[in-house]
Amino acid sequence: QVQLVESGGGLVQPGGSLRLSCAASGSILRFYVMRWYRQAPGKQRELVASITSGTSTWYTDSVKGRFTISRDNAKNTVYLQMNNLKPEDSANYYCYTVDTGGPAYWGQGTQVTVSS
């Protein structure tokens, strides 16, 4: 069992930056992939970015070139650096991982609002 706790959300103007953190209660070394999802009101949850234990990354098209996912295994933390934020990036952002053949884990979410 592991708990994921997101932080770093907030209100930012268009063009601004935020860095989200996802701190795990235990080692993340056993998790092959760590992901960030987001969900805006009235919309489905969507995968934003993922990173493997080998540090391969993937991004949804709408955030490529603006967002960067990274992981610090020593700190059991995954980050999402978000630059040049747009109003359409406003959503609740969730951290996710899954044990191989086992349960999935979600954080409680952190709200990002991009508005002038």
PDB file of N, CA and C in Angstrom:
ATOM      1  N   GLN A   1       0.843  -1.184   0.000  1.00  0.00           N
ATOM      2  CA  GLN A   1       0.000   0.000   0.000  1.00  0.00           C
ATOM      3  C   GLN A   1       0.885   1.244   0.000  1.00  0.00           C
ATOM      4  N   VAL A   2       0.525   2.230  -0.796  1.00  0.00           N
ATOM      5  CA  VAL A   2       1.271   3.476  -0.841  1.00  0.00           C
ATOM      6  C   VAL A   2       0.284   4.618  -0.977  1.00  0.00           C
ATOM      7  N   GLN A   3       0.613   5.722  -0.371  1.00  0.00           N
ATOM      8  CA  GLN A   3      -0.205   6.924  -0.499  1.00  0.00           C
ATOM      9  C   GLN A   3       0.539   7.943  -1.356  1.00  0.00           C
ATOM     10  N   LEU A   4      -0.218   8.610  -2.220  1.00  0.00           N
ATOM     11  CA  LEU A   4       0.329   9.650  -3.078  1.00  0.00           C
ATOM     12  C   LEU A   4      -0.295  10.982  -2.679  1.00  0.00           C
ATOM     13  N   VAL A   5       0.543  11.977  -2.474  1.00  0.00           N
ATOM     14  CA  VAL A   5       0.061  13.291  -2.049  1.00  0.00           C
ATOM     15  C   VAL A   5       0.591  14.351  -3.010  1.00  0.00           C
ATOM     16  N   GLU A   6      -0.343  14.992  -3.713  1.00  0.00           N
ATOM     17  CA  GLU A   6       0.032  16.047  -4.647  1.00  0.00           C
ATOM     18  C   GLU A   6       0.072  17.406  -3.947  1.00  0.00           C
ATOM     19  N   SER A   7       0.888  18.283  -4.475  1.00  0.00           N
ATOM     20  CA  SER A   7       0.949  19.662  -3.992  1.00  0.00           C
ATOM     21  C   SER A   7       1.477  20.543  -5.114  1.00  0.00           C
ATOM     22  N   GLY A   8       1.363  21.852  -4.911  1.00  0.00           N
ATOM     23  CA  GLY A   8       1.924  22.796  -5.873  1.00  0.00           C
ATOM     24  C   GLY A   8       0.919  23.479  -6.766  1.00  0.00           C
ATOM     25  N   GLY A   9      -0.349  23.084  -6.673  1.00  0.00           N
ATOM     26  CA  GLY A   9      -1.352  23.749  -7.485  1.00  0.00           C
ATOM     27  C   GLY A   9      -1.642  25.154  -6.984  1.00  0.00           C
ATOM     28  N   GLY A  10      -2.452  25.855  -7.757  1.00  0.00           N
ATOM     29  CA  GLY A  10      -2.819  27.208  -7.359  1.00  0.00           C
ATOM     30  C   GLY A  10      -3.366  27.999  -8.519  1.00  0.00           C
ATOM     31  N   LEU A  11      -3.473  29.296  -8.298  1.00  0.00           N
ATOM     32  CA  LEU A  11      -3.967  30.231  -9.310  1.00  0.00           C
ATOM     33  C   LEU A  11      -2.772  30.915  -9.967  1.00  0.00           C
ATOM     34  N   VAL A  12      -2.749  30.895 -11.280  1.00  0.00           N
ATOM     35  CA  VAL A  12      -1.643  31.511 -12.010  1.00  0.00           C
ATOM     36  C   VAL A  12      -2.197  32.191 -13.254  1.00  0.00           C
ATOM     37  N   GLN A  13      -1.541  33.259 -13.677  1.00  0.00           N
ATOM     38  CA  GLN A  13      -1.970  33.959 -14.881  1.00  0.00           C
ATOM     39  C   GLN A  13      -1.526  33.205 -16.126  1.00  0.00           C
ATOM     40  N   PRO A  14      -2.225  33.402 -17.224  1.00  0.00           N
ATOM     41  CA  PRO A  14      -1.773  32.786 -18.490  1.00  0.00           C
ATOM     42  C   PRO A  14      -0.327  33.155 -18.782  1.00  0.00           C
ATOM     43  N   GLY A  15       0.425  32.151 -19.235  1.00  0.00           N
ATOM     44  CA  GLY A  15       1.843  32.352 -19.480  1.00  0.00           C
ATOM     45  C   GLY A  15       2.713  32.053 -18.288  1.00  0.00           C
ATOM     46  N   GLY A  16       2.112  31.856 -17.138  1.00  0.00           N
ATOM     47  CA  GLY A  16       2.866  31.582 -15.921  1.00  0.00           C
ATOM     48  C   GLY A  16       3.281  30.128 -15.801  1.00  0.00           C
ATOM     49  N   SER A  17       3.926  29.822 -14.672  1.00  0.00           N
ATOM     50  CA  SER A  17       4.446  28.481 -14.431  1.00  0.00           C
ATOM     51  C   SER A  17       4.045  27.971 -13.054  1.00  0.00           C
ATOM     52  N   LEU A  18       3.949  26.669 -12.955  1.00  0.00           N
ATOM     53  CA  LEU A  18       3.753  25.982 -11.688  1.00  0.00           C
ATOM     54  C   LEU A  18       4.546  24.683 -11.731  1.00  0.00           C
ATOM     55  N   ARG A  19       4.967  24.226 -10.553  1.00  0.00           N
ATOM     56  CA  ARG A  19       5.563  22.900 -10.462  1.00  0.00           C
ATOM     57  C   ARG A  19       4.760  22.068  -9.475  1.00  0.00           C
ATOM     58  N   LEU A  20       4.176  21.001  -9.981  1.00  0.00           N
ATOM     59  CA  LEU A  20       3.434  20.075  -9.139  1.00  0.00           C
ATOM     60  C   LEU A  20       4.366  18.993  -8.612  1.00  0.00           C
ATOM     61  N   SER A  21       4.100  18.573  -7.399  1.00  0.00           N
ATOM     62  CA  SER A  21       4.854  17.484  -6.791  1.00  0.00           C
ATOM     63  C   SER A  21       3.900  16.380  -6.374  1.00  0.00           C
ATOM     64  N   CYS A  22       4.364  15.159  -6.468  1.00  0.00           N
ATOM     65  CA  CYS A  22       3.613  13.990  -6.013  1.00  0.00           C
ATOM     66  C   CYS A  22       4.540  13.192  -5.118  1.00  0.00           C
ATOM     67  N   ALA A  23       4.292  13.267  -3.827  1.00  0.00           N
ATOM     68  CA  ALA A  23       5.137  12.576  -2.857  1.00  0.00           C
ATOM     69  C   ALA A  23       4.496  11.255  -2.467  1.00  0.00           C
ATOM     70  N   ALA A  24       5.267  10.182  -2.574  1.00  0.00           N
ATOM     71  CA  ALA A  24       4.787   8.854  -2.200  1.00  0.00           C
ATOM     72  C   ALA A  24       5.218   8.519  -0.775  1.00  0.00           C
ATOM     73  N   SER A  25       4.370   7.725  -0.102  1.00  0.00           N
ATOM     74  CA  SER A  25       4.660   7.365   1.287  1.00  0.00           C
ATOM     75  C   SER A  25       5.722   6.282   1.392  1.00  0.00           C
ATOM     76  N   GLY A  26       6.034   5.661   0.255  1.00  0.00           N
ATOM     77  CA  GLY A  26       7.070   4.652   0.244  1.00  0.00           C
ATOM     78  C   GLY A  26       7.913   4.781  -1.007  1.00  0.00           C
ATOM     79  N   SER A  27       8.800   3.820  -1.182  1.00  0.00           N
ATOM     80  CA  SER A  27       9.690   3.867  -2.328  1.00  0.00           C
ATOM     81  C   SER A  27       8.921   3.762  -3.644  1.00  0.00           C
ATOM     82  N   ILE A  28       9.303   4.591  -4.596  1.00  0.00           N
ATOM     83  CA  ILE A  28       8.673   4.516  -5.916  1.00  0.00           C
ATOM     84  C   ILE A  28       9.508   3.687  -6.882  1.00  0.00           C
ATOM     85  N   LEU A  29      10.606   3.121  -6.361  1.00  0.00           N
ATOM     86  CA  LEU A  29      11.472   2.335  -7.236  1.00  0.00           C
ATOM     87  C   LEU A  29      10.746   1.143  -7.841  1.00  0.00           C
ATOM     88  N   ARG A  30       9.773   0.612  -7.097  1.00  0.00           N
ATOM     89  CA  ARG A  30       9.089  -0.586  -7.590  1.00  0.00           C
ATOM     90  C   ARG A  30       8.061  -0.274  -8.669  1.00  0.00           C
ATOM     91  N   PHE A  31       7.770   1.002  -8.859  1.00  0.00           N
ATOM     92  CA  PHE A  31       6.747   1.366  -9.831  1.00  0.00           C
ATOM     93  C   PHE A  31       7.402   1.672 -11.168  1.00  0.00           C
ATOM     94  N   TYR A  32       7.040   0.877 -12.170  1.00  0.00           N
ATOM     95  CA  TYR A  32       7.647   1.070 -13.481  1.00  0.00           C
ATOM     96  C   TYR A  32       7.251   2.415 -14.076  1.00  0.00           C
ATOM     97  N   VAL A  33       5.986   2.792 -13.886  1.00  0.00           N
ATOM     98  CA  VAL A  33       5.509   4.023 -14.489  1.00  0.00           C
ATOM     99  C   VAL A  33       4.806   4.888 -13.456  1.00  0.00           C
ATOM    100  N   MET A  34       5.023   6.178 -13.562  1.00  0.00           N
ATOM    101  CA  MET A  34       4.315   7.168 -12.768  1.00  0.00           C
ATOM    102  C   MET A  34       3.655   8.121 -13.758  1.00  0.00           C
ATOM    103  N   ARG A  35       2.425   8.544 -13.457  1.00  0.00           N
ATOM    104  CA  ARG A  35       1.671   9.360 -14.407  1.00  0.00           C
ATOM    105  C   ARG A  35       1.006  10.555 -13.731  1.00  0.00           C
ATOM    106  N   TRP A  36       0.780  11.566 -14.527  1.00  0.00           N
ATOM    107  CA  TRP A  36      -0.060  12.692 -14.144  1.00  0.00           C
ATOM    108  C   TRP A  36      -1.286  12.701 -15.050  1.00  0.00           C
ATOM    109  N   TYR A  37      -2.466  12.793 -14.423  1.00  0.00           N
ATOM    110  CA  TYR A  37      -3.732  12.948 -15.124  1.00  0.00           C
ATOM    111  C   TYR A  37      -4.312  14.303 -14.715  1.00  0.00           C
ATOM    112  N   ARG A  38      -5.294  14.753 -15.487  1.00  0.00           N
ATOM    113  CA  ARG A  38      -6.045  15.940 -15.093  1.00  0.00           C
ATOM    114  C   ARG A  38      -7.505  15.766 -15.479  1.00  0.00           C
ATOM    115  N   GLN A  39      -8.350  16.480 -14.745  1.00  0.00           N
ATOM    116  CA  GLN A  39      -9.776  16.434 -15.027  1.00  0.00           C
ATOM    117  C   GLN A  39     -10.362  17.806 -14.789  1.00  0.00           C
ATOM    118  N   ALA A  40     -10.932  18.351 -15.847  1.00  0.00           N
ATOM    119  CA  ALA A  40     -11.625  19.624 -15.761  1.00  0.00           C
ATOM    120  C   ALA A  40     -13.104  19.371 -15.537  1.00  0.00           C
ATOM    121  N   PRO A  41     -13.827  20.325 -14.970  1.00  0.00           N
ATOM    122  CA  PRO A  41     -15.266  20.135 -14.719  1.00  0.00           C
ATOM    123  C   PRO A  41     -16.018  19.765 -15.990  1.00  0.00           C
ATOM    124  N   GLY A  42     -16.822  18.718 -15.917  1.00  0.00           N
ATOM    125  CA  GLY A  42     -17.617  18.300 -17.056  1.00  0.00           C
ATOM    126  C   GLY A  42     -16.860  17.539 -18.122  1.00  0.00           C
ATOM    127  N   LYS A  43     -15.581  17.253 -17.863  1.00  0.00           N
ATOM    128  CA  LYS A  43     -14.769  16.540 -18.850  1.00  0.00           C
ATOM    129  C   LYS A  43     -14.236  15.245 -18.259  1.00  0.00           C
ATOM    130  N   GLN A  44     -13.840  14.346 -19.148  1.00  0.00           N
ATOM    131  CA  GLN A  44     -13.249  13.091 -18.701  1.00  0.00           C
ATOM    132  C   GLN A  44     -11.820  13.323 -18.217  1.00  0.00           C
ATOM    133  N   ARG A  45     -11.393  12.460 -17.322  1.00  0.00           N
ATOM    134  CA  ARG A  45     -10.007  12.510 -16.865  1.00  0.00           C
ATOM    135  C   ARG A  45      -9.106  12.120 -18.034  1.00  0.00           C
ATOM    136  N   GLU A  46      -8.039  12.888 -18.223  1.00  0.00           N
ATOM    137  CA  GLU A  46      -7.138  12.603 -19.334  1.00  0.00           C
ATOM    138  C   GLU A  46      -5.705  12.453 -18.843  1.00  0.00           C
ATOM    139  N   LEU A  47      -4.968  11.591 -19.521  1.00  0.00           N
ATOM    140  CA  LEU A  47      -3.556  11.399 -19.218  1.00  0.00           C
ATOM    141  C   LEU A  47      -2.769  12.576 -19.787  1.00  0.00           C
ATOM    142  N   VAL A  48      -1.965  13.184 -18.934  1.00  0.00           N
ATOM    143  CA  VAL A  48      -1.186  14.350 -19.332  1.00  0.00           C
ATOM    144  C   VAL A  48       0.260  13.970 -19.640  1.00  0.00           C
ATOM    145  N   ALA A  49       0.871  13.200 -18.745  1.00  0.00           N
ATOM    146  CA  ALA A  49       2.281  12.856 -18.907  1.00  0.00           C
ATOM    147  C   ALA A  49       2.589  11.600 -18.110  1.00  0.00           C
ATOM    148  N   SER A  50       3.597  10.871 -18.569  1.00  0.00           N
ATOM    149  CA  SER A  50       4.024   9.687 -17.831  1.00  0.00           C
ATOM    150  C   SER A  50       5.538   9.556 -17.927  1.00  0.00           C
ATOM    151  N   ILE A  51       6.089   8.845 -16.950  1.00  0.00           N
ATOM    152  CA  ILE A  51       7.526   8.602 -16.925  1.00  0.00           C
ATOM    153  C   ILE A  51       7.774   7.205 -16.400  1.00  0.00           C
ATOM    154  N   THR A  52       8.685   6.488 -17.053  1.00  0.00           N
ATOM    155  CA  THR A  52       9.005   5.139 -16.620  1.00  0.00           C
ATOM    156  C   THR A  52      10.208   5.158 -15.683  1.00  0.00           C
ATOM    157  N   SER A  53      10.488   3.988 -15.123  1.00  0.00           N
ATOM    158  CA  SER A  53      11.648   3.882 -14.249  1.00  0.00           C
ATOM    159  C   SER A  53      12.942   4.104 -15.017  1.00  0.00           C
ATOM    160  N   GLY A  54      12.885   3.888 -16.329  1.00  0.00           N
ATOM    161  CA  GLY A  54      14.038   4.169 -17.169  1.00  0.00           C
ATOM    162  C   GLY A  54      14.074   5.594 -17.659  1.00  0.00           C
ATOM    163  N   THR A  55      13.164   6.405 -17.128  1.00  0.00           N
ATOM    164  CA  THR A  55      13.018   7.845 -17.405  1.00  0.00           C
ATOM    165  C   THR A  55      12.569   8.151 -18.832  1.00  0.00           C
ATOM    166  N   SER A  56      11.983   7.176 -19.508  1.00  0.00           N
ATOM    167  CA  SER A  56      11.307   7.499 -20.762  1.00  0.00           C
ATOM    168  C   SER A  56      10.038   8.273 -20.449  1.00  0.00           C
ATOM    169  N   THR A  57       9.744   9.272 -21.264  1.00  0.00           N
ATOM    170  CA  THR A  57       8.589  10.126 -20.991  1.00  0.00           C
ATOM    171  C   THR A  57       7.620  10.139 -22.162  1.00  0.00           C
ATOM    172  N   TRP A  58       6.394  10.493 -21.825  1.00  0.00           N
ATOM    173  CA  TRP A  58       5.329  10.643 -22.832  1.00  0.00           C
ATOM    174  C   TRP A  58       4.479  11.828 -22.425  1.00  0.00           C
ATOM    175  N   TYR A  59       4.005  12.589 -23.411  1.00  0.00           N
ATOM    176  CA  TYR A  59       3.150  13.742 -23.157  1.00  0.00           C
ATOM    177  C   TYR A  59       1.987  13.751 -24.128  1.00  0.00           C
ATOM    178  N   THR A  60       0.835  14.203 -23.647  1.00  0.00           N
ATOM    179  CA  THR A  60      -0.259  14.438 -24.561  1.00  0.00           C
ATOM    180  C   THR A  60       0.100  15.639 -25.442  1.00  0.00           C
ATOM    181  N   ASP A  61      -0.425  15.665 -26.639  1.00  0.00           N
ATOM    182  CA  ASP A  61      -0.010  16.666 -27.618  1.00  0.00           C
ATOM    183  C   ASP A  61      -0.183  18.100 -27.122  1.00  0.00           C
ATOM    184  N   SER A  62      -1.232  18.347 -26.379  1.00  0.00           N
ATOM    185  CA  SER A  62      -1.541  19.721 -25.987  1.00  0.00           C
ATOM    186  C   SER A  62      -0.538  20.327 -25.006  1.00  0.00           C
ATOM    187  N   VAL A  63       0.307  19.496 -24.386  1.00  0.00           N
ATOM    188  CA  VAL A  63       1.262  20.024 -23.411  1.00  0.00           C
ATOM    189  C   VAL A  63       2.709  19.857 -23.862  1.00  0.00           C
ATOM    190  N   LYS A  64       2.930  19.217 -24.985  1.00  0.00           N
ATOM    191  CA  LYS A  64       4.303  19.006 -25.468  1.00  0.00           C
ATOM    192  C   LYS A  64       5.019  20.340 -25.636  1.00  0.00           C
ATOM    193  N   GLY A  65       6.239  20.384 -25.146  1.00  0.00           N
ATOM    194  CA  GLY A  65       7.032  21.597 -25.230  1.00  0.00           C
ATOM    195  C   GLY A  65       6.772  22.574 -24.106  1.00  0.00           C
ATOM    196  N   ARG A  66       5.744  22.320 -23.301  1.00  0.00           N
ATOM    197  CA  ARG A  66       5.418  23.225 -22.186  1.00  0.00           C
ATOM    198  C   ARG A  66       5.561  22.536 -20.832  1.00  0.00           C
ATOM    199  N   PHE A  67       5.242  21.256 -20.764  1.00  0.00           N
ATOM    200  CA  PHE A  67       5.277  20.508 -19.507  1.00  0.00           C
ATOM    201  C   PHE A  67       6.466  19.538 -19.520  1.00  0.00           C
ATOM    202  N   THR A  68       7.023  19.313 -18.337  1.00  0.00           N
ATOM    203  CA  THR A  68       8.102  18.346 -18.178  1.00  0.00           C
ATOM    204  C   THR A  68       7.850  17.496 -16.943  1.00  0.00           C
ATOM    205  N   ILE A  69       7.831  16.186 -17.143  1.00  0.00           N
ATOM    206  CA  ILE A  69       7.664  15.262 -16.023  1.00  0.00           C
ATOM    207  C   ILE A  69       9.032  14.723 -15.634  1.00  0.00           C
ATOM    208  N   SER A  70       9.240  14.557 -14.332  1.00  0.00           N
ATOM    209  CA  SER A  70      10.501  14.006 -13.850  1.00  0.00           C
ATOM    210  C   SER A  70      10.232  13.237 -12.569  1.00  0.00           C
ATOM    211  N   ARG A  71      11.184  12.396 -12.190  1.00  0.00           N
ATOM    212  CA  ARG A  71      11.043  11.643 -10.955  1.00  0.00           C
ATOM    213  C   ARG A  71      12.364  11.656 -10.196  1.00  0.00           C
ATOM    214  N   ASP A  72      12.252  11.766  -8.889  1.00  0.00           N
ATOM    215  CA  ASP A  72      13.413  11.699  -8.001  1.00  0.00           C
ATOM    216  C   ASP A  72      13.194  10.493  -7.105  1.00  0.00           C
ATOM    217  N   ASN A  73      13.807   9.385  -7.465  1.00  0.00           N
ATOM    218  CA  ASN A  73      13.588   8.139  -6.719  1.00  0.00           C
ATOM    219  C   ASN A  73      14.089   8.249  -5.277  1.00  0.00           C
ATOM    220  N   ALA A  74      15.137   9.031  -5.074  1.00  0.00           N
ATOM    221  CA  ALA A  74      15.675   9.179  -3.721  1.00  0.00           C
ATOM    222  C   ALA A  74      14.687   9.901  -2.800  1.00  0.00           C
ATOM    223  N   LYS A  75      13.895  10.792  -3.375  1.00  0.00           N
ATOM    224  CA  LYS A  75      12.904  11.538  -2.587  1.00  0.00           C
ATOM    225  C   LYS A  75      11.504  10.951  -2.730  1.00  0.00           C
ATOM    226  N   ASN A  76      11.381   9.864  -3.497  1.00  0.00           N
ATOM    227  CA  ASN A  76      10.067   9.229  -3.705  1.00  0.00           C
ATOM    228  C   ASN A  76       9.035  10.234  -4.213  1.00  0.00           C
ATOM    229  N   THR A  77       9.461  11.051  -5.155  1.00  0.00           N
ATOM    230  CA  THR A  77       8.630  12.147  -5.621  1.00  0.00           C
ATOM    231  C   THR A  77       8.668  12.244  -7.147  1.00  0.00           C
ATOM    232  N   VAL A  78       7.520  12.551  -7.698  1.00  0.00           N
ATOM    233  CA  VAL A  78       7.399  12.808  -9.129  1.00  0.00           C
ATOM    234  C   VAL A  78       6.956  14.258  -9.295  1.00  0.00           C
ATOM    235  N   TYR A  79       7.496  14.908 -10.306  1.00  0.00           N
ATOM    236  CA  TYR A  79       7.208  16.321 -10.525  1.00  0.00           C
ATOM    237  C   TYR A  79       6.567  16.532 -11.902  1.00  0.00           C
ATOM    238  N   LEU A  80       5.814  17.629 -11.992  1.00  0.00           N
ATOM    239  CA  LEU A  80       5.320  18.076 -13.287  1.00  0.00           C
ATOM    240  C   LEU A  80       5.572  19.577 -13.359  1.00  0.00           C
ATOM    241  N   GLN A  81       6.582  19.949 -14.129  1.00  0.00           N
ATOM    242  CA  GLN A  81       6.879  21.360 -14.358  1.00  0.00           C
ATOM    243  C   GLN A  81       6.003  21.844 -15.496  1.00  0.00           C
ATOM    244  N   MET A  82       5.213  22.858 -15.230  1.00  0.00           N
ATOM    245  CA  MET A  82       4.269  23.368 -16.217  1.00  0.00           C
ATOM    246  C   MET A  82       4.614  24.817 -16.537  1.00  0.00           C
ATOM    247  N   ASN A  83       4.988  25.069 -17.767  1.00  0.00           N
ATOM    248  CA  ASN A  83       5.339  26.417 -18.222  1.00  0.00           C
ATOM    249  C   ASN A  83       4.356  26.902 -19.266  1.00  0.00           C
ATOM    250  N   ASN A  84       4.339  28.214 -19.468  1.00  0.00           N
ATOM    251  CA  ASN A  84       3.454  28.818 -20.462  1.00  0.00           C
ATOM    252  C   ASN A  84       2.028  28.286 -20.317  1.00  0.00           C
ATOM    253  N   LEU A  85       1.522  28.354 -19.124  1.00  0.00           N
ATOM    254  CA  LEU A  85       0.201  27.799 -18.846  1.00  0.00           C
ATOM    255  C   LEU A  85      -0.889  28.567 -19.570  1.00  0.00           C
ATOM    256  N   LYS A  86      -1.912  27.833 -19.968  1.00  0.00           N
ATOM    257  CA  LYS A  86      -3.052  28.379 -20.701  1.00  0.00           C
ATOM    258  C   LYS A  86      -4.334  28.125 -19.911  1.00  0.00           C
ATOM    259  N   PRO A  87      -5.359  28.917 -20.141  1.00  0.00           N
ATOM    260  CA  PRO A  87      -6.620  28.695 -19.419  1.00  0.00           C
ATOM    261  C   PRO A  87      -7.141  27.268 -19.575  1.00  0.00           C
ATOM    262  N   GLU A  88      -6.913  26.664 -20.724  1.00  0.00           N
ATOM    263  CA  GLU A  88      -7.397  25.294 -20.943  1.00  0.00           C
ATOM    264  C   GLU A  88      -6.620  24.245 -20.152  1.00  0.00           C
ATOM    265  N   ASP A  89      -5.541  24.655 -19.482  1.00  0.00           N
ATOM    266  CA  ASP A  89      -4.821  23.746 -18.595  1.00  0.00           C
ATOM    267  C   ASP A  89      -5.475  23.678 -17.212  1.00  0.00           C
ATOM    268  N   SER A  90      -6.433  24.526 -16.950  1.00  0.00           N
ATOM    269  CA  SER A  90      -7.116  24.540 -15.658  1.00  0.00           C
ATOM    270  C   SER A  90      -7.820  23.208 -15.425  1.00  0.00           C
ATOM    271  N   ALA A  91      -7.536  22.591 -14.297  1.00  0.00           N
ATOM    272  CA  ALA A  91      -8.100  21.280 -13.988  1.00  0.00           C
ATOM    273  C   ALA A  91      -7.591  20.850 -12.615  1.00  0.00           C
ATOM    274  N   ASN A  92      -8.147  19.770 -12.149  1.00  0.00           N
ATOM    275  CA  ASN A  92      -7.595  19.093 -10.986  1.00  0.00           C
ATOM    276  C   ASN A  92      -6.579  18.077 -11.506  1.00  0.00           C
ATOM    277  N   TYR A  93      -5.372  18.136 -10.987  1.00  0.00           N
ATOM    278  CA  TYR A  93      -4.293  17.266 -11.457  1.00  0.00           C
ATOM    279  C   TYR A  93      -4.059  16.146 -10.445  1.00  0.00           C
ATOM    280  N   TYR A  94      -3.975  14.929 -10.967  1.00  0.00           N
ATOM    281  CA  TYR A  94      -3.847  13.741 -10.133  1.00  0.00           C
ATOM    282  C   TYR A  94      -2.584  12.964 -10.484  1.00  0.00           C
ATOM    283  N   CYS A  95      -1.955  12.449  -9.456  1.00  0.00           N
ATOM    284  CA  CYS A  95      -0.820  11.549  -9.602  1.00  0.00           C
ATOM    285  C   CYS A  95      -1.342  10.112  -9.578  1.00  0.00           C
ATOM    286  N   TYR A  96      -0.711   9.244 -10.343  1.00  0.00           N
ATOM    287  CA  TYR A  96      -1.171   7.862 -10.470  1.00  0.00           C
ATOM    288  C   TYR A  96       0.020   6.935 -10.644  1.00  0.00           C
ATOM    289  N   THR A  97      -0.098   5.750 -10.045  1.00  0.00           N
ATOM    290  CA  THR A  97       0.826   4.683 -10.343  1.00  0.00           C
ATOM    291  C   THR A  97       0.129   3.343 -10.109  1.00  0.00           C
ATOM    292  N   VAL A  98       0.799   2.282 -10.488  1.00  0.00           N
ATOM    293  CA  VAL A  98       0.184   0.955 -10.360  1.00  0.00           C
ATOM    294  C   VAL A  98       1.270  -0.069 -10.102  1.00  0.00           C
ATOM    295  N   ASP A  99       0.972  -0.978  -9.179  1.00  0.00           N
ATOM    296  CA  ASP A  99       1.853  -2.106  -8.938  1.00  0.00           C
ATOM    297  C   ASP A  99       1.689  -3.118 -10.069  1.00  0.00           C
ATOM    298  N   THR A 100       2.754  -3.693 -10.540  1.00  0.00           N
ATOM    299  CA  THR A 100       2.665  -4.698 -11.595  1.00  0.00           C
ATOM    300  C   THR A 100       1.800  -5.845 -11.108  1.00  0.00           C
ATOM    301  N   GLY A 101       0.686  -6.057 -11.804  1.00  0.00           N
ATOM    302  CA  GLY A 101      -0.232  -7.113 -11.419  1.00  0.00           C
ATOM    303  C   GLY A 101      -0.997  -6.830 -10.149  1.00  0.00           C
ATOM    304  N   GLY A 102      -0.896  -5.615  -9.680  1.00  0.00           N
ATOM    305  CA  GLY A 102      -1.536  -5.298  -8.409  1.00  0.00           C
ATOM    306  C   GLY A 102      -2.412  -4.079  -8.498  1.00  0.00           C
ATOM    307  N   PRO A 103      -2.673  -3.421  -7.362  1.00  0.00           N
ATOM    308  CA  PRO A 103      -3.605  -2.295  -7.350  1.00  0.00           C
ATOM    309  C   PRO A 103      -3.007  -1.028  -7.944  1.00  0.00           C
ATOM    310  N   ALA A 104      -3.926  -0.137  -8.333  1.00  0.00           N
ATOM    311  CA  ALA A 104      -3.544   1.196  -8.777  1.00  0.00           C
ATOM    312  C   ALA A 104      -3.711   2.170  -7.620  1.00  0.00           C
ATOM    313  N   TYR A 105      -2.932   3.227  -7.668  1.00  0.00           N
ATOM    314  CA  TYR A 105      -2.975   4.236  -6.615  1.00  0.00           C
ATOM    315  C   TYR A 105      -3.181   5.613  -7.228  1.00  0.00           C
ATOM    316  N   TRP A 106      -4.067   6.381  -6.605  1.00  0.00           N
ATOM    317  CA  TRP A 106      -4.338   7.758  -7.015  1.00  0.00           C
ATOM    318  C   TRP A 106      -4.099   8.684  -5.832  1.00  0.00           C
ATOM    319  N   GLY A 107      -3.615   9.875  -6.129  1.00  0.00           N
ATOM    320  CA  GLY A 107      -3.576  10.915  -5.120  1.00  0.00           C
ATOM    321  C   GLY A 107      -4.925  11.607  -5.038  1.00  0.00           C
ATOM    322  N   GLN A 108      -5.020  12.573  -4.136  1.00  0.00           N
ATOM    323  CA  GLN A 108      -6.294  13.261  -3.914  1.00  0.00           C
ATOM    324  C   GLN A 108      -6.488  14.419  -4.893  1.00  0.00           C
ATOM    325  N   GLY A 109      -5.422  14.798  -5.584  1.00  0.00           N
ATOM    326  CA  GLY A 109      -5.524  15.855  -6.583  1.00  0.00           C
ATOM    327  C   GLY A 109      -5.091  17.211  -6.055  1.00  0.00           C
ATOM    328  N   THR A 110      -4.641  18.040  -6.982  1.00  0.00           N
ATOM    329  CA  THR A 110      -4.311  19.427  -6.664  1.00  0.00           C
ATOM    330  C   THR A 110      -4.869  20.310  -7.774  1.00  0.00           C
ATOM    331  N   GLN A 111      -5.517  21.396  -7.384  1.00  0.00           N
ATOM    332  CA  GLN A 111      -6.230  22.234  -8.343  1.00  0.00           C
ATOM    333  C   GLN A 111      -5.292  23.241  -8.990  1.00  0.00           C
ATOM    334  N   VAL A 112      -5.373  23.313 -10.304  1.00  0.00           N
ATOM    335  CA  VAL A 112      -4.635  24.322 -11.067  1.00  0.00           C
ATOM    336  C   VAL A 112      -5.653  25.190 -11.787  1.00  0.00           C
ATOM    337  N   THR A 113      -5.566  26.491 -11.559  1.00  0.00           N
ATOM    338  CA  THR A 113      -6.451  27.439 -12.222  1.00  0.00           C
ATOM    339  C   THR A 113      -5.605  28.476 -12.941  1.00  0.00           C
ATOM    340  N   VAL A 114      -5.817  28.583 -14.242  1.00  0.00           N
ATOM    341  CA  VAL A 114      -5.082  29.543 -15.058  1.00  0.00           C
ATOM    342  C   VAL A 114      -6.067  30.614 -15.514  1.00  0.00           C
ATOM    343  N   SER A 115      -5.902  31.802 -14.974  1.00  0.00           N
ATOM    344  CA  SER A 115      -6.858  32.872 -15.255  1.00  0.00           C
ATOM    345  C   SER A 115      -6.213  34.222 -14.992  1.00  0.00           C
ATOM    346  N   SER A 116      -6.651  35.212 -15.783  1.00  0.00           N
ATOM    347  CA  SER A 116      -6.176  36.571 -15.557  1.00  0.00           C
ATOM    348  C   SER A 116      -7.137  37.329 -14.654  1.00  0.00           C
TER     349      SER A 116
END
